[in-house]
Amino acid sequence: MDGEKQSKVNEAVGCFNSGFYCSQALLSTYCEELGLDKETALKLSCGLAAGMARLSSTCGAVTGAYLVISLKHGNDLPDDAEAREKTFALIQEFDKRFTAKHGSTNCRDLLGVDLRYGERALIDERVEALCSDLVRDAAEFLESILWQE
């Protein structure tokens, strides 16, 4: 991975490690170059964190990456099927890579604990042990597919 791409990966991990959520780390790393201000990106992606607002559903690093792909390639006209299909294909490719490495895109499966009802100490331990790597992997997969034309 070249220096610029690695810098983006490190930026996403640094954002997560500074206290933002996984989804926020991904979207805020790429937002400005794609026309979205950082404050809006952080607010927009907040509720997707921790498996969709601690519902232990889809991992926030994954949903954050989906937002980045959509921001870059998504349609803004109802009849732009080409943009829509490209967005879907890239999200499916991201999902395939992430699942191949981690076995799931589901937060509960990835962490092995329910974020709403699990023991707080175990949740904290798993988040600390695993989530930086999940953010890193999501950013690396995103970098490998984001600029495909």
N, C-alpha and C. Protein backbone atom coordinates (compact mmCIF):
# COMPACT_ATOMS: atom_id res chain seq x y z
N MET A 1 0.86 -1.18 0.00
CA MET A 1 0.00 0.00 0.00
C MET A 1 0.90 1.24 0.00
N ASP A 2 0.60 2.19 -0.90
CA ASP A 2 1.45 3.37 -0.97
C ASP A 2 1.24 4.29 0.23
N GLY A 3 2.12 5.26 0.36
CA GLY A 3 2.13 6.14 1.53
C GLY A 3 0.85 6.91 1.76
N GLU A 4 0.25 7.42 0.69
CA GLU A 4 -0.99 8.19 0.83
C GLU A 4 -2.13 7.32 1.33
N LYS A 5 -2.25 6.12 0.78
CA LYS A 5 -3.30 5.20 1.20
C LYS A 5 -3.07 4.76 2.65
N GLN A 6 -1.81 4.47 2.98
CA GLN A 6 -1.50 4.07 4.36
C GLN A 6 -1.79 5.21 5.32
N SER A 7 -1.56 6.43 4.89
CA SER A 7 -1.85 7.59 5.71
C SER A 7 -3.34 7.68 6.03
N LYS A 8 -4.19 7.37 5.05
CA LYS A 8 -5.63 7.38 5.28
C LYS A 8 -6.03 6.29 6.27
N VAL A 9 -5.44 5.12 6.12
CA VAL A 9 -5.71 4.02 7.05
C VAL A 9 -5.32 4.44 8.46
N ASN A 10 -4.14 5.01 8.60
CA ASN A 10 -3.67 5.46 9.91
C ASN A 10 -4.55 6.58 10.47
N GLU A 11 -5.04 7.45 9.60
CA GLU A 11 -5.94 8.52 10.04
C GLU A 11 -7.23 7.95 10.61
N ALA A 12 -7.79 6.95 9.94
CA ALA A 12 -9.03 6.33 10.43
C ALA A 12 -8.80 5.66 11.78
N VAL A 13 -7.71 4.93 11.92
CA VAL A 13 -7.41 4.27 13.20
C VAL A 13 -7.16 5.32 14.27
N GLY A 14 -6.43 6.36 13.94
CA GLY A 14 -6.17 7.44 14.90
C GLY A 14 -7.44 8.12 15.35
N CYS A 15 -8.36 8.34 14.44
CA CYS A 15 -9.64 8.94 14.79
C CYS A 15 -10.39 8.05 15.77
N PHE A 16 -10.43 6.76 15.48
CA PHE A 16 -11.08 5.82 16.40
C PHE A 16 -10.40 5.83 17.76
N ASN A 17 -9.08 5.75 17.76
CA ASN A 17 -8.34 5.70 19.02
C ASN A 17 -8.42 7.00 19.81
N SER A 18 -8.81 8.10 19.14
CA SER A 18 -8.94 9.38 19.85
C SER A 18 -10.28 9.52 20.57
N GLY A 19 -11.19 8.55 20.36
CA GLY A 19 -12.46 8.59 21.09
C GLY A 19 -13.70 8.59 20.23
N PHE A 20 -13.55 8.71 18.92
CA PHE A 20 -14.72 8.62 18.05
C PHE A 20 -15.06 7.15 17.82
N TYR A 21 -16.27 6.91 17.37
CA TYR A 21 -16.72 5.56 17.08
C TYR A 21 -16.18 5.09 15.73
N CYS A 22 -16.27 3.79 15.52
CA CYS A 22 -15.77 3.14 14.31
C CYS A 22 -16.39 3.74 13.04
N SER A 23 -17.69 3.88 13.01
CA SER A 23 -18.36 4.45 11.84
C SER A 23 -17.92 5.88 11.58
N GLN A 24 -17.75 6.64 12.66
CA GLN A 24 -17.30 8.02 12.53
C GLN A 24 -15.87 8.09 12.00
N ALA A 25 -15.03 7.17 12.46
CA ALA A 25 -13.63 7.16 12.03
C ALA A 25 -13.53 6.96 10.52
N LEU A 26 -14.33 6.05 9.98
CA LEU A 26 -14.27 5.79 8.54
C LEU A 26 -14.81 6.96 7.73
N LEU A 27 -16.01 7.40 8.03
CA LEU A 27 -16.61 8.46 7.21
C LEU A 27 -15.82 9.77 7.34
N SER A 28 -15.42 10.14 8.54
CA SER A 28 -14.73 11.42 8.71
C SER A 28 -13.35 11.45 8.07
N THR A 29 -12.75 10.30 7.87
CA THR A 29 -11.44 10.25 7.23
C THR A 29 -11.52 10.63 5.76
N TYR A 30 -12.61 10.30 5.10
CA TYR A 30 -12.74 10.51 3.66
C TYR A 30 -13.70 11.63 3.27
N CYS A 31 -14.47 12.13 4.20
CA CYS A 31 -15.59 13.00 3.87
C CYS A 31 -15.21 14.27 3.11
N GLU A 32 -14.17 14.96 3.56
CA GLU A 32 -13.88 16.26 2.97
C GLU A 32 -13.46 16.16 1.52
N GLU A 33 -12.68 15.15 1.17
CA GLU A 33 -12.28 15.00 -0.23
C GLU A 33 -13.45 14.58 -1.12
N LEU A 34 -14.55 14.15 -0.49
CA LEU A 34 -15.74 13.75 -1.24
C LEU A 34 -16.87 14.76 -1.10
N GLY A 35 -16.57 15.95 -0.54
CA GLY A 35 -17.53 17.05 -0.53
C GLY A 35 -18.42 17.17 0.69
N LEU A 36 -18.10 16.48 1.76
CA LEU A 36 -18.90 16.55 2.99
C LEU A 36 -18.03 17.08 4.11
N ASP A 37 -18.52 18.06 4.85
CA ASP A 37 -17.71 18.60 5.94
C ASP A 37 -17.61 17.61 7.10
N LYS A 38 -16.53 17.71 7.84
CA LYS A 38 -16.22 16.74 8.89
C LYS A 38 -17.27 16.72 10.00
N GLU A 39 -17.75 17.89 10.43
CA GLU A 39 -18.75 17.93 11.50
C GLU A 39 -20.01 17.18 11.11
N THR A 40 -20.47 17.40 9.88
CA THR A 40 -21.66 16.70 9.40
C THR A 40 -21.39 15.19 9.31
N ALA A 41 -20.23 14.83 8.84
CA ALA A 41 -19.87 13.41 8.73
C ALA A 41 -19.88 12.73 10.09
N LEU A 42 -19.31 13.39 11.09
CA LEU A 42 -19.27 12.82 12.44
C LEU A 42 -20.68 12.64 13.00
N LYS A 43 -21.52 13.64 12.80
CA LYS A 43 -22.90 13.55 13.30
C LYS A 43 -23.69 12.49 12.54
N LEU A 44 -23.56 12.47 11.24
CA LEU A 44 -24.29 11.55 10.39
C LEU A 44 -23.98 10.09 10.72
N SER A 45 -22.74 9.81 11.03
CA SER A 45 -22.31 8.43 11.23
C SER A 45 -22.36 7.98 12.69
N CYS A 46 -22.64 8.87 13.60
CA CYS A 46 -22.66 8.52 15.03
C CYS A 46 -23.61 7.38 15.35
N GLY A 47 -24.81 7.42 14.87
CA GLY A 47 -25.81 6.41 15.20
C GLY A 47 -25.56 5.04 14.61
N LEU A 48 -24.60 4.95 13.71
CA LEU A 48 -24.28 3.66 13.09
C LEU A 48 -23.25 2.88 13.89
N ALA A 49 -22.68 3.51 14.89
CA ALA A 49 -21.60 2.90 15.66
C ALA A 49 -22.11 1.77 16.54
N ALA A 50 -21.17 0.93 16.96
CA ALA A 50 -21.46 -0.16 17.90
C ALA A 50 -22.56 -1.07 17.38
N GLY A 51 -22.45 -1.39 16.11
CA GLY A 51 -23.45 -2.29 15.53
C GLY A 51 -24.81 -1.64 15.43
N MET A 52 -24.87 -0.40 15.01
CA MET A 52 -26.10 0.37 14.84
C MET A 52 -26.68 0.74 16.21
N ALA A 53 -26.07 1.73 16.83
CA ALA A 53 -26.55 2.27 18.10
C ALA A 53 -26.58 1.23 19.23
N ARG A 54 -25.53 0.45 19.31
CA ARG A 54 -25.37 -0.63 20.30
C ARG A 54 -26.39 -1.76 20.15
N LEU A 55 -26.97 -1.90 18.97
CA LEU A 55 -27.88 -3.01 18.73
C LEU A 55 -27.12 -4.28 18.38
N SER A 56 -25.82 -4.18 18.28
CA SER A 56 -24.94 -5.31 17.96
C SER A 56 -25.23 -5.89 16.58
N SER A 57 -25.66 -5.05 15.67
CA SER A 57 -25.96 -5.47 14.30
C SER A 57 -24.71 -5.24 13.44
N THR A 58 -24.85 -4.64 12.28
CA THR A 58 -23.71 -4.45 11.39
C THR A 58 -22.65 -3.56 12.02
N CYS A 59 -21.41 -4.02 11.97
CA CYS A 59 -20.26 -3.31 12.54
C CYS A 59 -20.19 -1.88 12.00
N GLY A 60 -19.91 -0.94 12.87
CA GLY A 60 -19.81 0.46 12.48
C GLY A 60 -18.68 0.74 11.51
N ALA A 61 -17.58 0.00 11.59
CA ALA A 61 -16.51 0.18 10.61
C ALA A 61 -17.02 -0.18 9.21
N VAL A 62 -17.86 -1.17 9.15
CA VAL A 62 -18.45 -1.61 7.88
C VAL A 62 -19.45 -0.57 7.37
N THR A 63 -20.37 -0.13 8.23
CA THR A 63 -21.36 0.85 7.78
C THR A 63 -20.70 2.18 7.43
N GLY A 64 -19.66 2.54 8.17
CA GLY A 64 -18.91 3.74 7.83
C GLY A 64 -18.30 3.64 6.44
N ALA A 65 -17.74 2.48 6.12
CA ALA A 65 -17.17 2.26 4.79
C ALA A 65 -18.26 2.30 3.73
N TYR A 66 -19.43 1.73 4.02
CA TYR A 66 -20.54 1.78 3.07
C TYR A 66 -20.92 3.23 2.76
N LEU A 67 -20.91 4.07 3.80
CA LEU A 67 -21.23 5.49 3.59
C LEU A 67 -20.19 6.16 2.69
N VAL A 68 -18.92 5.83 2.90
CA VAL A 68 -17.86 6.42 2.07
C VAL A 68 -18.05 6.00 0.61
N ILE A 69 -18.27 4.71 0.39
CA ILE A 69 -18.49 4.23 -0.98
C ILE A 69 -19.71 4.93 -1.60
N SER A 70 -20.77 5.06 -0.83
CA SER A 70 -21.97 5.73 -1.34
C SER A 70 -21.72 7.20 -1.63
N LEU A 71 -20.97 7.86 -0.77
CA LEU A 71 -20.65 9.27 -0.98
C LEU A 71 -19.83 9.46 -2.25
N LYS A 72 -18.92 8.53 -2.50
CA LYS A 72 -18.06 8.61 -3.69
C LYS A 72 -18.81 8.23 -4.97
N HIS A 73 -19.60 7.18 -4.93
CA HIS A 73 -20.13 6.62 -6.16
C HIS A 73 -21.65 6.61 -6.27
N GLY A 74 -22.37 6.93 -5.21
CA GLY A 74 -23.82 6.79 -5.20
C GLY A 74 -24.55 7.71 -6.16
N ASN A 75 -25.78 7.35 -6.47
CA ASN A 75 -26.59 8.16 -7.39
C ASN A 75 -27.24 9.32 -6.65
N ASP A 76 -27.35 10.44 -7.37
CA ASP A 76 -28.08 11.59 -6.83
C ASP A 76 -29.24 11.98 -7.75
N LEU A 77 -29.48 11.14 -8.75
CA LEU A 77 -30.64 11.28 -9.62
C LEU A 77 -31.37 9.94 -9.61
N PRO A 78 -32.69 9.95 -9.59
CA PRO A 78 -33.43 8.69 -9.45
C PRO A 78 -33.21 7.71 -10.59
N ASP A 79 -32.86 8.20 -11.76
CA ASP A 79 -32.70 7.30 -12.90
C ASP A 79 -31.24 6.97 -13.21
N ASP A 80 -30.34 7.28 -12.30
CA ASP A 80 -28.92 6.97 -12.52
C ASP A 80 -28.62 5.56 -12.04
N ALA A 81 -29.10 4.60 -12.81
CA ALA A 81 -28.92 3.20 -12.46
C ALA A 81 -27.45 2.79 -12.48
N GLU A 82 -26.66 3.38 -13.34
CA GLU A 82 -25.24 3.04 -13.42
C GLU A 82 -24.52 3.35 -12.11
N ALA A 83 -24.75 4.53 -11.56
CA ALA A 83 -24.12 4.90 -10.28
C ALA A 83 -24.62 4.01 -9.15
N ARG A 84 -25.90 3.76 -9.13
CA ARG A 84 -26.49 2.89 -8.10
C ARG A 84 -25.89 1.49 -8.15
N GLU A 85 -25.80 0.92 -9.34
CA GLU A 85 -25.27 -0.43 -9.49
C GLU A 85 -23.79 -0.49 -9.16
N LYS A 86 -23.04 0.55 -9.51
CA LYS A 86 -21.61 0.58 -9.15
C LYS A 86 -21.47 0.63 -7.63
N THR A 87 -22.27 1.45 -6.98
CA THR A 87 -22.24 1.55 -5.53
C THR A 87 -22.54 0.20 -4.89
N PHE A 88 -23.59 -0.44 -5.35
CA PHE A 88 -23.95 -1.76 -4.81
C PHE A 88 -22.83 -2.77 -5.03
N ALA A 89 -22.25 -2.77 -6.22
CA ALA A 89 -21.17 -3.73 -6.52
C ALA A 89 -19.96 -3.50 -5.62
N LEU A 90 -19.59 -2.25 -5.40
CA LEU A 90 -18.44 -1.95 -4.54
C LEU A 90 -18.72 -2.30 -3.08
N ILE A 91 -19.92 -2.04 -2.62
CA ILE A 91 -20.29 -2.42 -1.25
C ILE A 91 -20.28 -3.94 -1.11
N GLN A 92 -20.78 -4.63 -2.11
CA GLN A 92 -20.75 -6.09 -2.06
C GLN A 92 -19.33 -6.63 -2.07
N GLU A 93 -18.44 -5.98 -2.84
CA GLU A 93 -17.03 -6.39 -2.84
C GLU A 93 -16.39 -6.14 -1.48
N PHE A 94 -16.67 -4.98 -0.90
CA PHE A 94 -16.16 -4.69 0.44
C PHE A 94 -16.64 -5.74 1.43
N ASP A 95 -17.94 -6.03 1.39
CA ASP A 95 -18.55 -7.01 2.29
C ASP A 95 -17.88 -8.38 2.14
N LYS A 96 -17.65 -8.77 0.91
CA LYS A 96 -17.02 -10.07 0.63
C LYS A 96 -15.62 -10.13 1.27
N ARG A 97 -14.84 -9.08 1.11
CA ARG A 97 -13.48 -9.06 1.66
C ARG A 97 -13.49 -9.04 3.18
N PHE A 98 -14.33 -8.21 3.75
CA PHE A 98 -14.39 -8.10 5.20
C PHE A 98 -14.86 -9.42 5.81
N THR A 99 -15.88 -10.01 5.23
CA THR A 99 -16.40 -11.29 5.73
C THR A 99 -15.38 -12.40 5.56
N ALA A 100 -14.66 -12.40 4.46
CA ALA A 100 -13.64 -13.44 4.24
C ALA A 100 -12.56 -13.38 5.33
N LYS A 101 -12.22 -12.18 5.77
CA LYS A 101 -11.18 -12.05 6.79
C LYS A 101 -11.72 -12.30 8.20
N HIS A 102 -12.93 -11.83 8.48
CA HIS A 102 -13.44 -11.83 9.85
C HIS A 102 -14.60 -12.79 10.10
N GLY A 103 -15.14 -13.39 9.05
CA GLY A 103 -16.22 -14.36 9.22
C GLY A 103 -17.60 -13.74 9.34
N SER A 104 -17.68 -12.44 9.46
CA SER A 104 -18.96 -11.77 9.65
C SER A 104 -18.78 -10.26 9.50
N THR A 105 -19.88 -9.56 9.28
CA THR A 105 -19.90 -8.10 9.40
C THR A 105 -20.74 -7.68 10.60
N ASN A 106 -21.20 -8.64 11.36
CA ASN A 106 -22.07 -8.39 12.50
C ASN A 106 -21.23 -8.11 13.75
N CYS A 107 -21.50 -7.00 14.39
CA CYS A 107 -20.74 -6.56 15.56
C CYS A 107 -20.75 -7.61 16.68
N ARG A 108 -21.89 -8.16 16.97
CA ARG A 108 -22.00 -9.17 18.03
C ARG A 108 -21.11 -10.37 17.72
N ASP A 109 -21.12 -10.81 16.48
CA ASP A 109 -20.29 -11.95 16.08
C ASP A 109 -18.80 -11.59 16.14
N LEU A 110 -18.46 -10.41 15.70
CA LEU A 110 -17.06 -9.99 15.67
C LEU A 110 -16.49 -9.85 17.08
N LEU A 111 -17.28 -9.29 17.99
CA LEU A 111 -16.80 -9.04 19.35
C LEU A 111 -17.11 -10.19 20.31
N GLY A 112 -18.08 -11.01 19.95
CA GLY A 112 -18.46 -12.11 20.83
C GLY A 112 -19.19 -11.66 22.08
N VAL A 113 -19.87 -10.52 21.99
CA VAL A 113 -20.61 -10.00 23.14
C VAL A 113 -21.71 -9.06 22.62
N ASP A 114 -22.83 -9.03 23.30
CA ASP A 114 -23.92 -8.14 22.97
C ASP A 114 -23.64 -6.79 23.63
N LEU A 115 -23.60 -5.73 22.85
CA LEU A 115 -23.23 -4.42 23.37
C LEU A 115 -24.29 -3.77 24.24
N ARG A 116 -25.53 -4.22 24.15
CA ARG A 116 -26.57 -3.66 25.02
C ARG A 116 -26.66 -4.38 26.34
N TYR A 117 -26.51 -5.69 26.33
CA TYR A 117 -26.81 -6.47 27.52
C TYR A 117 -25.61 -7.22 28.09
N GLY A 118 -24.50 -7.16 27.41
CA GLY A 118 -23.32 -7.86 27.89
C GLY A 118 -22.69 -7.17 29.10
N GLU A 119 -21.80 -7.88 29.74
CA GLU A 119 -21.09 -7.33 30.90
C GLU A 119 -20.17 -6.19 30.42
N ARG A 120 -20.27 -5.04 31.07
CA ARG A 120 -19.56 -3.83 30.67
C ARG A 120 -18.04 -4.05 30.57
N ALA A 121 -17.47 -4.74 31.55
CA ALA A 121 -16.02 -4.96 31.54
C ALA A 121 -15.61 -5.81 30.33
N LEU A 122 -16.41 -6.81 30.00
CA LEU A 122 -16.11 -7.66 28.85
C LEU A 122 -16.26 -6.87 27.55
N ILE A 123 -17.29 -6.05 27.47
CA ILE A 123 -17.48 -5.21 26.29
C ILE A 123 -16.26 -4.31 26.10
N ASP A 124 -15.87 -3.62 27.15
CA ASP A 124 -14.72 -2.72 27.06
C ASP A 124 -13.46 -3.46 26.64
N GLU A 125 -13.26 -4.64 27.20
CA GLU A 125 -12.09 -5.45 26.87
C GLU A 125 -12.09 -5.84 25.39
N ARG A 126 -13.24 -6.28 24.88
CA ARG A 126 -13.33 -6.71 23.48
C ARG A 126 -13.17 -5.53 22.52
N VAL A 127 -13.81 -4.41 22.85
CA VAL A 127 -13.69 -3.22 22.00
C VAL A 127 -12.23 -2.79 21.94
N GLU A 128 -11.57 -2.74 23.07
CA GLU A 128 -10.17 -2.34 23.11
C GLU A 128 -9.28 -3.31 22.35
N ALA A 129 -9.56 -4.59 22.47
CA ALA A 129 -8.72 -5.61 21.83
C ALA A 129 -8.95 -5.73 20.33
N LEU A 130 -10.17 -5.46 19.86
CA LEU A 130 -10.52 -5.81 18.48
C LEU A 130 -10.84 -4.65 17.55
N CYS A 131 -11.44 -3.60 18.06
CA CYS A 131 -12.04 -2.61 17.16
C CYS A 131 -11.03 -1.78 16.37
N SER A 132 -9.88 -1.47 16.93
CA SER A 132 -8.88 -0.74 16.13
C SER A 132 -8.48 -1.54 14.91
N ASP A 133 -8.33 -2.85 15.08
CA ASP A 133 -7.97 -3.71 13.95
C ASP A 133 -9.11 -3.79 12.93
N LEU A 134 -10.34 -3.80 13.41
CA LEU A 134 -11.48 -3.83 12.49
C LEU A 134 -11.56 -2.53 11.69
N VAL A 135 -11.30 -1.40 12.34
CA VAL A 135 -11.26 -0.11 11.64
C VAL A 135 -10.12 -0.12 10.63
N ARG A 136 -8.96 -0.61 11.03
CA ARG A 136 -7.81 -0.68 10.12
C ARG A 136 -8.14 -1.54 8.90
N ASP A 137 -8.67 -2.72 9.13
CA ASP A 137 -9.01 -3.60 8.01
C ASP A 137 -10.06 -2.96 7.11
N ALA A 138 -11.07 -2.35 7.70
CA ALA A 138 -12.11 -1.69 6.89
C ALA A 138 -11.49 -0.60 6.03
N ALA A 139 -10.61 0.20 6.60
CA ALA A 139 -9.96 1.27 5.83
C ALA A 139 -9.06 0.70 4.73
N GLU A 140 -8.36 -0.38 5.03
CA GLU A 140 -7.52 -1.01 4.00
C GLU A 140 -8.35 -1.57 2.86
N PHE A 141 -9.44 -2.26 3.18
CA PHE A 141 -10.32 -2.77 2.13
C PHE A 141 -10.93 -1.62 1.35
N LEU A 142 -11.32 -0.58 2.05
CA LEU A 142 -11.90 0.59 1.39
C LEU A 142 -10.89 1.20 0.43
N GLU A 143 -9.66 1.36 0.88
CA GLU A 143 -8.61 1.92 0.02
C GLU A 143 -8.39 1.08 -1.23
N SER A 144 -8.52 -0.23 -1.09
CA SER A 144 -8.24 -1.10 -2.24
C SER A 144 -9.36 -1.07 -3.29
N ILE A 145 -10.55 -0.61 -2.90
CA ILE A 145 -11.65 -0.61 -3.87
C ILE A 145 -12.23 0.77 -4.15
N LEU A 146 -11.96 1.74 -3.31
CA LEU A 146 -12.66 3.02 -3.37
C LEU A 146 -12.47 3.76 -4.68
N TRP A 147 -11.29 3.74 -5.21
CA TRP A 147 -11.01 4.58 -6.38
C TRP A 147 -11.09 3.80 -7.68
N GLN A 148 -11.70 2.60 -7.65
CA GLN A 148 -11.89 1.83 -8.87
C GLN A 148 -12.79 2.60 -9.82
N GLU A 149 -12.42 2.63 -11.01
CA GLU A 149 -13.26 3.31 -12.04
C GLU A 149 -13.72 2.32 -13.06
